[in-house]
Amino acid sequence: LILVALHDITDQRAFDKALENQVYNRTQELQEANVHLQQSNESLRQFASIASHDLQEPLRKIKLFAALLDRRFPKNSATEESDLVNKIHIASDRMSQLIKEVLQYSKLAYDARKFVPTNLDAILKNVLSDLDLLISEKKAAIHYTEALPTIEAIPLQMHQLFSNLLTNALKFHKTSENPEIVILCKAVSASEAGEFPAKRAELTYLEIKIADNGIGFEPGYADQIFQLFERLHSVDEYEGTGLGLALCKKIVENHNGEIYGVSSEGSGASFYVVLPVTQGFSA
């Protein structure tokens, strides 16, 4: 006696085929989306470059005309005309810096994320060397004893991050006190790193704290200060474009990390930067 069991697998084959077609279609859509993204990034790069040139060109002419006016109305002549020419210089310098920082911010949006082993201690020392004159002028004290480690990062962006944060700490100081800045760092687990969108449980993080004894800010502005062109003070009080911390936030996001500030007005400010030590598959 022979028993034969037969199973109709027509439905299963149809299901497998439909699933295979769906995977193929989704893969095609993803490839097309990547191509469009690359094209958009290239268009943004070209636009930023052209816009920067087109905006800088008339500005160069304004500076040239202002320099010609300097010959007629020297700065030391103490006339109304020389005062107006000086204001032209100040406004054009600020516009030039604004264009430069907008271009930097736009570049961060399409910058190729080439993560390499990056010695943060060497970068910090280079930044402090760059700021040496400003530190001397402000009679500032920088306290930092522990060497920062090497992490997977984009070196140029790390340099810009430290430069912006330290320049901010030097700028927003109390007139009654010399600036004091403390730089601390420690390794933290993902559970200790706080909550942010790019966090991954399997990674180790580095928490960098830059604290100052400056004017601080109201806690209610803790998110606002990282937005584009946001200023808590007028240009007359503190020079700048309002882009510094926005650039910092974009850089940290590019590194799948988090940045936030803690302060109360008149009591200094502490900025925390949380970065993954390695990028893993995010790189």
C-alpha atoms as a PDB file:
ATOM      1  CA  LEU A   1       0.000   0.000   0.000  1.00  0.00           C
ATOM      2  CA  ILE A   2       1.540   3.330  -1.058  1.00  0.00           C
ATOM      3  CA  LEU A   3       0.241   6.611   0.321  1.00  0.00           C
ATOM      4  CA  VAL A   4       1.064   9.812  -1.531  1.00  0.00           C
ATOM      5  CA  ALA A   5       0.507  13.261   0.042  1.00  0.00           C
ATOM      6  CA  LEU A   6       0.068  16.074  -2.405  1.00  0.00           C
ATOM      7  CA  HIS A   7       0.183  19.788  -1.520  1.00  0.00           C
ATOM      8  CA  ASP A   8      -0.925  22.539  -3.826  1.00  0.00           C
ATOM      9  CA  ILE A   9       1.870  25.150  -3.667  1.00  0.00           C
ATOM     10  CA  THR A  10       0.452  27.390  -6.349  1.00  0.00           C
ATOM     11  CA  ASP A  11      -0.579  30.019  -3.814  1.00  0.00           C
ATOM     12  CA  GLN A  12       2.842  29.898  -2.095  1.00  0.00           C
ATOM     13  CA  ARG A  13       4.658  30.380  -5.395  1.00  0.00           C
ATOM     14  CA  ALA A  14       2.399  33.270  -6.283  1.00  0.00           C
ATOM     15  CA  PHE A  15       3.063  34.856  -2.897  1.00  0.00           C
ATOM     16  CA  ASP A  16       6.858  34.398  -3.267  1.00  0.00           C
ATOM     17  CA  LYS A  17       6.768  35.898  -6.745  1.00  0.00           C
ATOM     18  CA  ALA A  18       4.728  38.876  -5.567  1.00  0.00           C
ATOM     19  CA  LEU A  19       7.163  39.413  -2.660  1.00  0.00           C
ATOM     20  CA  GLU A  20      10.133  39.186  -5.032  1.00  0.00           C
ATOM     21  CA  ASN A  21       8.566  41.755  -7.348  1.00  0.00           C
ATOM     22  CA  GLN A  22       7.861  44.061  -4.399  1.00  0.00           C
ATOM     23  CA  VAL A  23      11.471  43.847  -3.178  1.00  0.00           C
ATOM     24  CA  TYR A  24      12.724  44.539  -6.716  1.00  0.00           C
ATOM     25  CA  ASN A  25      10.426  47.555  -7.088  1.00  0.00           C
ATOM     26  CA  ARG A  26      11.449  48.980  -3.711  1.00  0.00           C
ATOM     27  CA  THR A  27      15.133  48.508  -4.594  1.00  0.00           C
ATOM     28  CA  GLN A  28      14.623  50.365  -7.858  1.00  0.00           C
ATOM     29  CA  GLU A  29      12.811  53.175  -6.045  1.00  0.00           C
ATOM     30  CA  LEU A  30      15.660  53.425  -3.525  1.00  0.00           C
ATOM     31  CA  GLN A  31      18.271  53.589  -6.270  1.00  0.00           C
ATOM     32  CA  GLU A  32      16.302  56.298  -8.067  1.00  0.00           C
ATOM     33  CA  ALA A  33      15.929  58.239  -4.813  1.00  0.00           C
ATOM     34  CA  ASN A  34      19.700  58.031  -4.249  1.00  0.00           C
ATOM     35  CA  VAL A  35      20.358  59.341  -7.761  1.00  0.00           C
ATOM     36  CA  HIS A  36      17.929  62.227  -7.207  1.00  0.00           C
ATOM     37  CA  LEU A  37      19.569  62.980  -3.845  1.00  0.00           C
ATOM     38  CA  GLN A  38      23.019  63.092  -5.439  1.00  0.00           C
ATOM     39  CA  GLN A  39      21.696  65.385  -8.162  1.00  0.00           C
ATOM     40  CA  SER A  40      20.064  67.637  -5.554  1.00  0.00           C
ATOM     41  CA  ASN A  41      23.286  67.798  -3.538  1.00  0.00           C
ATOM     42  CA  GLU A  42      25.261  68.701  -6.638  1.00  0.00           C
ATOM     43  CA  SER A  43      22.696  71.379  -7.555  1.00  0.00           C
ATOM     44  CA  LEU A  44      22.895  72.773  -4.015  1.00  0.00           C
ATOM     45  CA  ARG A  45      26.689  72.811  -4.181  1.00  0.00           C
ATOM     46  CA  GLN A  46      26.635  74.686  -7.478  1.00  0.00           C
ATOM     47  CA  PHE A  47      23.991  77.121  -6.239  1.00  0.00           C
ATOM     48  CA  ALA A  48      25.933  77.857  -3.050  1.00  0.00           C
ATOM     49  CA  SER A  49      29.117  78.467  -5.018  1.00  0.00           C
ATOM     50  CA  ILE A  50      27.430  80.722  -7.601  1.00  0.00           C
ATOM     51  CA  ALA A  51      25.387  82.582  -4.994  1.00  0.00           C
ATOM     52  CA  SER A  52      28.475  83.183  -2.901  1.00  0.00           C
ATOM     53  CA  HIS A  53      30.362  84.595  -5.887  1.00  0.00           C
ATOM     54  CA  ASP A  54      27.426  86.716  -7.070  1.00  0.00           C
ATOM     55  CA  LEU A  55      26.895  88.159  -3.584  1.00  0.00           C
ATOM     56  CA  GLN A  56      30.577  88.751  -2.878  1.00  0.00           C
ATOM     57  CA  GLU A  57      31.242  90.587  -6.141  1.00  0.00           C
ATOM     58  CA  PRO A  58      29.067  93.687  -5.460  1.00  0.00           C
ATOM     59  CA  LEU A  59      30.285  93.617  -1.869  1.00  0.00           C
ATOM     60  CA  ARG A  60      33.905  93.839  -3.051  1.00  0.00           C
ATOM     61  CA  LYS A  61      32.956  96.918  -5.071  1.00  0.00           C
ATOM     62  CA  ILE A  62      31.312  98.518  -2.030  1.00  0.00           C
ATOM     63  CA  LYS A  63      34.519  97.929  -0.051  1.00  0.00           C
ATOM     64  CA  LEU A  64      36.585  99.373  -2.901  1.00  0.00           C
ATOM     65  CA  PHE A  65      34.433 102.520  -3.054  1.00  0.00           C
ATOM     66  CA  ALA A  66      34.608 102.845   0.729  1.00  0.00           C
ATOM     67  CA  ALA A  67      38.409 102.608   0.551  1.00  0.00           C
ATOM     68  CA  LEU A  68      38.410 105.426  -2.040  1.00  0.00           C
ATOM     69  CA  LEU A  69      36.238 107.514   0.294  1.00  0.00           C
ATOM     70  CA  ASP A  70      38.793 106.899   3.072  1.00  0.00           C
ATOM     71  CA  ARG A  71      41.259 109.001   1.109  1.00  0.00           C
ATOM     72  CA  ARG A  72      38.866 111.964   1.095  1.00  0.00           C
ATOM     73  CA  PHE A  73      37.652 111.483   4.652  1.00  0.00           C
ATOM     74  CA  PRO A  74      40.421 109.880   6.773  1.00  0.00           C
ATOM     75  CA  LYS A  75      39.281 107.959   9.847  1.00  0.00           C
ATOM     76  CA  ASN A  76      41.123 110.316  12.191  1.00  0.00           C
ATOM     77  CA  SER A  77      39.447 113.414  10.745  1.00  0.00           C
ATOM     78  CA  ALA A  78      36.513 113.155  13.211  1.00  0.00           C
ATOM     79  CA  THR A  79      33.949 114.358  10.674  1.00  0.00           C
ATOM     80  CA  GLU A  80      30.430 113.139   9.993  1.00  0.00           C
ATOM     81  CA  GLU A  81      31.570 111.889   6.582  1.00  0.00           C
ATOM     82  CA  SER A  82      34.408 109.796   8.009  1.00  0.00           C
ATOM     83  CA  ASP A  83      31.984 108.337  10.574  1.00  0.00           C
ATOM     84  CA  LEU A  84      29.584 107.311   7.789  1.00  0.00           C
ATOM     85  CA  VAL A  85      32.402 105.737   5.770  1.00  0.00           C
ATOM     86  CA  ASN A  86      33.449 103.765   8.849  1.00  0.00           C
ATOM     87  CA  LYS A  87      29.890 102.468   9.198  1.00  0.00           C
ATOM     88  CA  ILE A  88      30.035 101.309   5.562  1.00  0.00           C
ATOM     89  CA  HIS A  89      33.194  99.347   6.398  1.00  0.00           C
ATOM     90  CA  ILE A  90      31.577  97.734   9.450  1.00  0.00           C
ATOM     91  CA  ALA A  91      28.375  96.812   7.595  1.00  0.00           C
ATOM     92  CA  SER A  92      30.225  95.391   4.568  1.00  0.00           C
ATOM     93  CA  ASP A  93      32.551  93.339   6.805  1.00  0.00           C
ATOM     94  CA  ARG A  94      29.560  91.883   8.610  1.00  0.00           C
ATOM     95  CA  MET A  95      27.830  91.095   5.301  1.00  0.00           C
ATOM     96  CA  SER A  96      30.985  89.393   4.047  1.00  0.00           C
ATOM     97  CA  GLN A  97      31.143  87.238   7.173  1.00  0.00           C
ATOM     98  CA  LEU A  98      27.448  86.406   6.866  1.00  0.00           C
ATOM     99  CA  ILE A  99      27.847  85.229   3.253  1.00  0.00           C
ATOM    100  CA  LYS A 100      30.855  83.144   4.253  1.00  0.00           C
ATOM    101  CA  GLU A 101      28.984  81.444   7.109  1.00  0.00           C
ATOM    102  CA  VAL A 102      25.854  80.798   5.020  1.00  0.00           C
ATOM    103  CA  LEU A 103      28.093  79.115   2.448  1.00  0.00           C
ATOM    104  CA  GLN A 104      29.733  77.049   5.208  1.00  0.00           C
ATOM    105  CA  TYR A 105      26.326  75.968   6.495  1.00  0.00           C
ATOM    106  CA  SER A 106      25.097  75.002   3.031  1.00  0.00           C
ATOM    107  CA  LYS A 107      28.270  72.968   2.440  1.00  0.00           C
ATOM    108  CA  LEU A 108      27.589  70.982   5.604  1.00  0.00           C
ATOM    109  CA  ALA A 109      24.298  69.804   4.083  1.00  0.00           C
ATOM    110  CA  TYR A 110      25.976  68.036   1.168  1.00  0.00           C
ATOM    111  CA  ASP A 111      29.477  67.458   2.552  1.00  0.00           C
ATOM    112  CA  ALA A 112      30.673  63.896   1.912  1.00  0.00           C
ATOM    113  CA  ARG A 113      30.850  62.214   5.304  1.00  0.00           C
ATOM    114  CA  LYS A 114      34.394  60.865   5.202  1.00  0.00           C
ATOM    115  CA  PHE A 115      34.933  59.694   8.752  1.00  0.00           C
ATOM    116  CA  VAL A 116      38.550  58.996   9.690  1.00  0.00           C
ATOM    117  CA  PRO A 117      40.360  58.448  13.006  1.00  0.00           C
ATOM    118  CA  THR A 118      40.551  62.011  14.342  1.00  0.00           C
ATOM    119  CA  ASN A 119      42.742  63.116  17.233  1.00  0.00           C
ATOM    120  CA  LEU A 120      40.486  65.603  19.038  1.00  0.00           C
ATOM    121  CA  ASP A 121      43.311  66.629  21.376  1.00  0.00           C
ATOM    122  CA  ALA A 122      45.485  67.745  18.456  1.00  0.00           C
ATOM    123  CA  ILE A 123      42.538  69.601  16.926  1.00  0.00           C
ATOM    124  CA  LEU A 124      41.747  71.384  20.208  1.00  0.00           C
ATOM    125  CA  LYS A 125      45.378  72.468  20.566  1.00  0.00           C
ATOM    126  CA  ASN A 126      45.328  73.834  17.005  1.00  0.00           C
ATOM    127  CA  VAL A 127      42.128  75.775  17.734  1.00  0.00           C
ATOM    128  CA  LEU A 128      43.600  77.223  20.941  1.00  0.00           C
ATOM    129  CA  SER A 129      46.679  78.237  18.956  1.00  0.00           C
ATOM    130  CA  ASP A 130      44.466  79.942  16.357  1.00  0.00           C
ATOM    131  CA  LEU A 131      42.627  81.806  19.126  1.00  0.00           C
ATOM    132  CA  ASP A 132      45.792  82.703  21.043  1.00  0.00           C
ATOM    133  CA  LEU A 133      45.601  86.428  20.251  1.00  0.00           C
ATOM    134  CA  LEU A 134      41.906  86.657  21.211  1.00  0.00           C
ATOM    135  CA  ILE A 135      42.565  84.704  24.427  1.00  0.00           C
ATOM    136  CA  SER A 136      45.359  87.150  25.310  1.00  0.00           C
ATOM    137  CA  GLU A 137      43.225  90.197  24.502  1.00  0.00           C
ATOM    138  CA  LYS A 138      40.396  88.919  26.706  1.00  0.00           C
ATOM    139  CA  LYS A 139      42.868  87.847  29.432  1.00  0.00           C
ATOM    140  CA  ALA A 140      41.057  84.521  29.437  1.00  0.00           C
ATOM    141  CA  ALA A 141      42.027  81.371  31.305  1.00  0.00           C
ATOM    142  CA  ILE A 142      41.456  78.002  29.600  1.00  0.00           C
ATOM    143  CA  HIS A 143      41.386  75.023  31.979  1.00  0.00           C
ATOM    144  CA  TYR A 144      41.771  71.643  30.380  1.00  0.00           C
ATOM    145  CA  THR A 145      43.887  68.857  31.815  1.00  0.00           C
ATOM    146  CA  GLU A 146      42.626  65.595  30.304  1.00  0.00           C
ATOM    147  CA  ALA A 147      43.726  64.812  26.762  1.00  0.00           C
ATOM    148  CA  LEU A 148      40.816  64.305  24.395  1.00  0.00           C
ATOM    149  CA  PRO A 149      40.728  60.900  22.666  1.00  0.00           C
ATOM    150  CA  THR A 150      40.739  59.873  19.020  1.00  0.00           C
ATOM    151  CA  ILE A 151      37.318  59.204  17.487  1.00  0.00           C
ATOM    152  CA  GLU A 152      35.906  58.566  14.020  1.00  0.00           C
ATOM    153  CA  ALA A 153      35.045  62.028  12.718  1.00  0.00           C
ATOM    154  CA  ILE A 154      35.502  64.599   9.965  1.00  0.00           C
ATOM    155  CA  PRO A 155      38.606  66.570  11.084  1.00  0.00           C
ATOM    156  CA  LEU A 156      37.774  69.911   9.440  1.00  0.00           C
ATOM    157  CA  GLN A 157      34.275  69.898  10.944  1.00  0.00           C
ATOM    158  CA  MET A 158      35.651  69.071  14.410  1.00  0.00           C
ATOM    159  CA  HIS A 159      38.012  72.045  14.106  1.00  0.00           C
ATOM    160  CA  GLN A 160      35.095  74.303  13.211  1.00  0.00           C
ATOM    161  CA  LEU A 161      33.012  72.908  16.088  1.00  0.00           C
ATOM    162  CA  PHE A 162      35.649  73.637  18.745  1.00  0.00           C
ATOM    163  CA  SER A 163      36.480  77.008  17.197  1.00  0.00           C
ATOM    164  CA  ASN A 164      32.856  78.174  17.247  1.00  0.00           C
ATOM    165  CA  LEU A 165      32.162  76.987  20.795  1.00  0.00           C
ATOM    166  CA  LEU A 166      35.333  78.519  22.245  1.00  0.00           C
ATOM    167  CA  THR A 167      34.890  81.784  20.303  1.00  0.00           C
ATOM    168  CA  ASN A 168      31.357  82.008  21.719  1.00  0.00           C
ATOM    169  CA  ALA A 169      32.627  81.472  25.258  1.00  0.00           C
ATOM    170  CA  LEU A 170      35.227  84.223  24.780  1.00  0.00           C
ATOM    171  CA  LYS A 171      32.761  86.609  23.162  1.00  0.00           C
ATOM    172  CA  PHE A 172      29.892  86.432  25.660  1.00  0.00           C
ATOM    173  CA  HIS A 173      31.876  87.220  28.800  1.00  0.00           C
ATOM    174  CA  LYS A 174      31.059  89.575  31.643  1.00  0.00           C
ATOM    175  CA  THR A 175      32.768  92.939  31.447  1.00  0.00           C
ATOM    176  CA  SER A 176      33.463  92.726  35.188  1.00  0.00           C
ATOM    177  CA  GLU A 177      35.324  89.379  34.971  1.00  0.00           C
ATOM    178  CA  ASN A 178      38.024  87.821  32.847  1.00  0.00           C
ATOM    179  CA  PRO A 179      36.712  84.825  30.908  1.00  0.00           C
ATOM    180  CA  GLU A 180      37.317  81.386  32.386  1.00  0.00           C
ATOM    181  CA  ILE A 181      36.635  78.336  30.263  1.00  0.00           C
ATOM    182  CA  VAL A 182      36.729  74.726  31.451  1.00  0.00           C
ATOM    183  CA  ILE A 183      36.909  71.832  28.981  1.00  0.00           C
ATOM    184  CA  LEU A 184      36.041  68.358  30.238  1.00  0.00           C
ATOM    185  CA  CYS A 185      35.426  65.037  28.535  1.00  0.00           C
ATOM    186  CA  LYS A 186      34.396  61.530  29.514  1.00  0.00           C
ATOM    187  CA  ALA A 187      33.285  58.309  27.855  1.00  0.00           C
ATOM    188  CA  VAL A 188      29.629  57.424  28.409  1.00  0.00           C
ATOM    189  CA  SER A 189      27.438  54.498  27.454  1.00  0.00           C
ATOM    190  CA  ALA A 190      24.461  54.925  25.147  1.00  0.00           C
ATOM    191  CA  SER A 191      22.123  54.808  28.157  1.00  0.00           C
ATOM    192  CA  GLU A 192      24.075  57.662  29.786  1.00  0.00           C
ATOM    193  CA  ALA A 193      24.226  59.711  26.602  1.00  0.00           C
ATOM    194  CA  GLY A 194      20.624  60.961  26.797  1.00  0.00           C
ATOM    195  CA  GLU A 195      17.983  60.666  24.115  1.00  0.00           C
ATOM    196  CA  PHE A 196      18.478  61.870  20.548  1.00  0.00           C
ATOM    197  CA  PRO A 197      17.357  60.529  17.146  1.00  0.00           C
ATOM    198  CA  ALA A 198      20.680  59.115  15.892  1.00  0.00           C
ATOM    199  CA  LYS A 199      21.634  57.316  19.130  1.00  0.00           C
ATOM    200  CA  ARG A 200      22.518  53.629  18.857  1.00  0.00           C
ATOM    201  CA  ALA A 201      22.495  51.360  21.893  1.00  0.00           C
ATOM    202  CA  GLU A 202      25.578  49.360  20.881  1.00  0.00           C
ATOM    203  CA  LEU A 203      27.935  52.361  20.610  1.00  0.00           C
ATOM    204  CA  THR A 204      30.127  54.112  23.171  1.00  0.00           C
ATOM    205  CA  TYR A 205      29.928  57.898  23.244  1.00  0.00           C
ATOM    206  CA  LEU A 206      32.188  60.778  24.199  1.00  0.00           C
ATOM    207  CA  GLU A 207      30.690  63.655  26.181  1.00  0.00           C
ATOM    208  CA  ILE A 208      32.578  66.937  25.864  1.00  0.00           C
ATOM    209  CA  LYS A 209      31.641  69.816  28.147  1.00  0.00           C
ATOM    210  CA  ILE A 210      32.721  73.419  27.516  1.00  0.00           C
ATOM    211  CA  ALA A 211      31.732  75.630  30.447  1.00  0.00           C
ATOM    212  CA  ASP A 212      32.299  79.356  30.897  1.00  0.00           C
ATOM    213  CA  ASN A 213      31.663  82.084  33.466  1.00  0.00           C
ATOM    214  CA  GLY A 214      30.049  84.443  30.966  1.00  0.00           C
ATOM    215  CA  ILE A 215      26.690  86.166  30.740  1.00  0.00           C
ATOM    216  CA  GLY A 216      24.747  82.944  30.138  1.00  0.00           C
ATOM    217  CA  PHE A 217      21.224  82.816  28.743  1.00  0.00           C
ATOM    218  CA  GLU A 218      17.692  82.178  29.943  1.00  0.00           C
ATOM    219  CA  PRO A 219      16.826  78.434  29.994  1.00  0.00           C
ATOM    220  CA  GLY A 220      13.830  79.127  27.767  1.00  0.00           C
ATOM    221  CA  TYR A 221      16.197  79.990  24.900  1.00  0.00           C
ATOM    222  CA  ALA A 222      18.108  76.669  25.102  1.00  0.00           C
ATOM    223  CA  ASP A 223      16.660  75.403  21.801  1.00  0.00           C
ATOM    224  CA  GLN A 224      16.355  78.754  20.050  1.00  0.00           C
ATOM    225  CA  ILE A 225      20.092  79.536  20.215  1.00  0.00           C
ATOM    226  CA  PHE A 226      20.829  76.663  17.803  1.00  0.00           C
ATOM    227  CA  GLN A 227      18.490  77.983  15.098  1.00  0.00           C
ATOM    228  CA  LEU A 228      19.709  79.849  12.019  1.00  0.00           C
ATOM    229  CA  PHE A 229      20.229  83.603  12.467  1.00  0.00           C
ATOM    230  CA  GLU A 230      18.940  83.546  16.040  1.00  0.00           C
ATOM    231  CA  ARG A 231      20.476  86.217  18.259  1.00  0.00           C
ATOM    232  CA  LEU A 232      19.731  86.937  21.898  1.00  0.00           C
ATOM    233  CA  HIS A 233      21.638  90.241  21.771  1.00  0.00           C
ATOM    234  CA  SER A 234      21.888  93.105  19.307  1.00  0.00           C
ATOM    235  CA  VAL A 235      24.860  93.536  16.971  1.00  0.00           C
ATOM    236  CA  ASP A 236      25.786  96.676  18.910  1.00  0.00           C
ATOM    237  CA  GLU A 237      26.219  94.596  22.081  1.00  0.00           C
ATOM    238  CA  TYR A 238      27.958  91.558  20.584  1.00  0.00           C
ATOM    239  CA  GLU A 239      29.149  91.235  16.998  1.00  0.00           C
ATOM    240  CA  GLY A 240      28.347  88.136  14.973  1.00  0.00           C
ATOM    241  CA  THR A 241      25.892  86.678  12.466  1.00  0.00           C
ATOM    242  CA  GLY A 242      23.809  84.328  14.615  1.00  0.00           C
ATOM    243  CA  LEU A 243      25.080  81.316  12.675  1.00  0.00           C
ATOM    244  CA  GLY A 244      27.807  79.991  14.987  1.00  0.00           C
ATOM    245  CA  LEU A 245      25.740  77.611  17.111  1.00  0.00           C
ATOM    246  CA  ALA A 246      23.585  76.579  14.134  1.00  0.00           C
ATOM    247  CA  LEU A 247      26.793  75.463  12.424  1.00  0.00           C
ATOM    248  CA  CYS A 248      27.775  73.551  15.572  1.00  0.00           C
ATOM    249  CA  LYS A 249      24.429  71.760  15.636  1.00  0.00           C
ATOM    250  CA  LYS A 250      24.696  70.788  11.961  1.00  0.00           C
ATOM    251  CA  ILE A 251      28.232  69.449  12.463  1.00  0.00           C
ATOM    252  CA  VAL A 252      27.196  67.355  15.465  1.00  0.00           C
ATOM    253  CA  GLU A 253      24.174  66.011  13.566  1.00  0.00           C
ATOM    254  CA  ASN A 254      26.507  65.080  10.693  1.00  0.00           C
ATOM    255  CA  HIS A 255      28.365  62.958  13.261  1.00  0.00           C
ATOM    256  CA  ASN A 256      25.181  61.289  14.555  1.00  0.00           C
ATOM    257  CA  GLY A 257      25.529  63.052  17.896  1.00  0.00           C
ATOM    258  CA  GLU A 258      23.810  65.616  20.072  1.00  0.00           C
ATOM    259  CA  ILE A 259      24.578  69.132  21.335  1.00  0.00           C
ATOM    260  CA  TYR A 260      22.731  71.147  23.965  1.00  0.00           C
ATOM    261  CA  GLY A 261      23.309  74.096  26.270  1.00  0.00           C
ATOM    262  CA  VAL A 262      22.577  74.542  29.977  1.00  0.00           C
ATOM    263  CA  SER A 263      22.553  77.982  31.579  1.00  0.00           C
ATOM    264  CA  SER A 264      20.799  80.636  33.583  1.00  0.00           C
ATOM    265  CA  GLU A 265      21.197  84.321  32.807  1.00  0.00           C
ATOM    266  CA  GLY A 266      24.264  85.821  34.454  1.00  0.00           C
ATOM    267  CA  SER A 267      25.617  82.460  35.631  1.00  0.00           C
ATOM    268  CA  GLY A 268      27.705  81.291  32.691  1.00  0.00           C
ATOM    269  CA  ALA A 269      26.845  78.593  30.171  1.00  0.00           C
ATOM    270  CA  SER A 270      27.801  74.952  29.656  1.00  0.00           C
ATOM    271  CA  PHE A 271      27.637  73.338  26.241  1.00  0.00           C
ATOM    272  CA  TYR A 272      27.582  69.557  25.997  1.00  0.00           C
ATOM    273  CA  VAL A 273      28.630  67.729  22.825  1.00  0.00           C
ATOM    274  CA  VAL A 274      27.873  63.998  22.664  1.00  0.00           C
ATOM    275  CA  LEU A 275      29.620  62.109  19.841  1.00  0.00           C
ATOM    276  CA  PRO A 276      29.929  58.408  19.021  1.00  0.00           C
ATOM    277  CA  VAL A 277      33.500  57.135  19.415  1.00  0.00           C
ATOM    278  CA  THR A 278      33.018  55.009  16.285  1.00  0.00           C
ATOM    279  CA  GLN A 279      30.438  55.523  13.563  1.00  0.00           C
ATOM    280  CA  GLY A 280      29.814  51.842  12.790  1.00  0.00           C
ATOM    281  CA  PHE A 281      27.646  51.269   9.736  1.00  0.00           C
ATOM    282  CA  SER A 282      26.500  54.943   9.843  1.00  0.00           C
ATOM    283  CA  ALA A 283      29.782  55.910   8.209  1.00  0.00           C
END
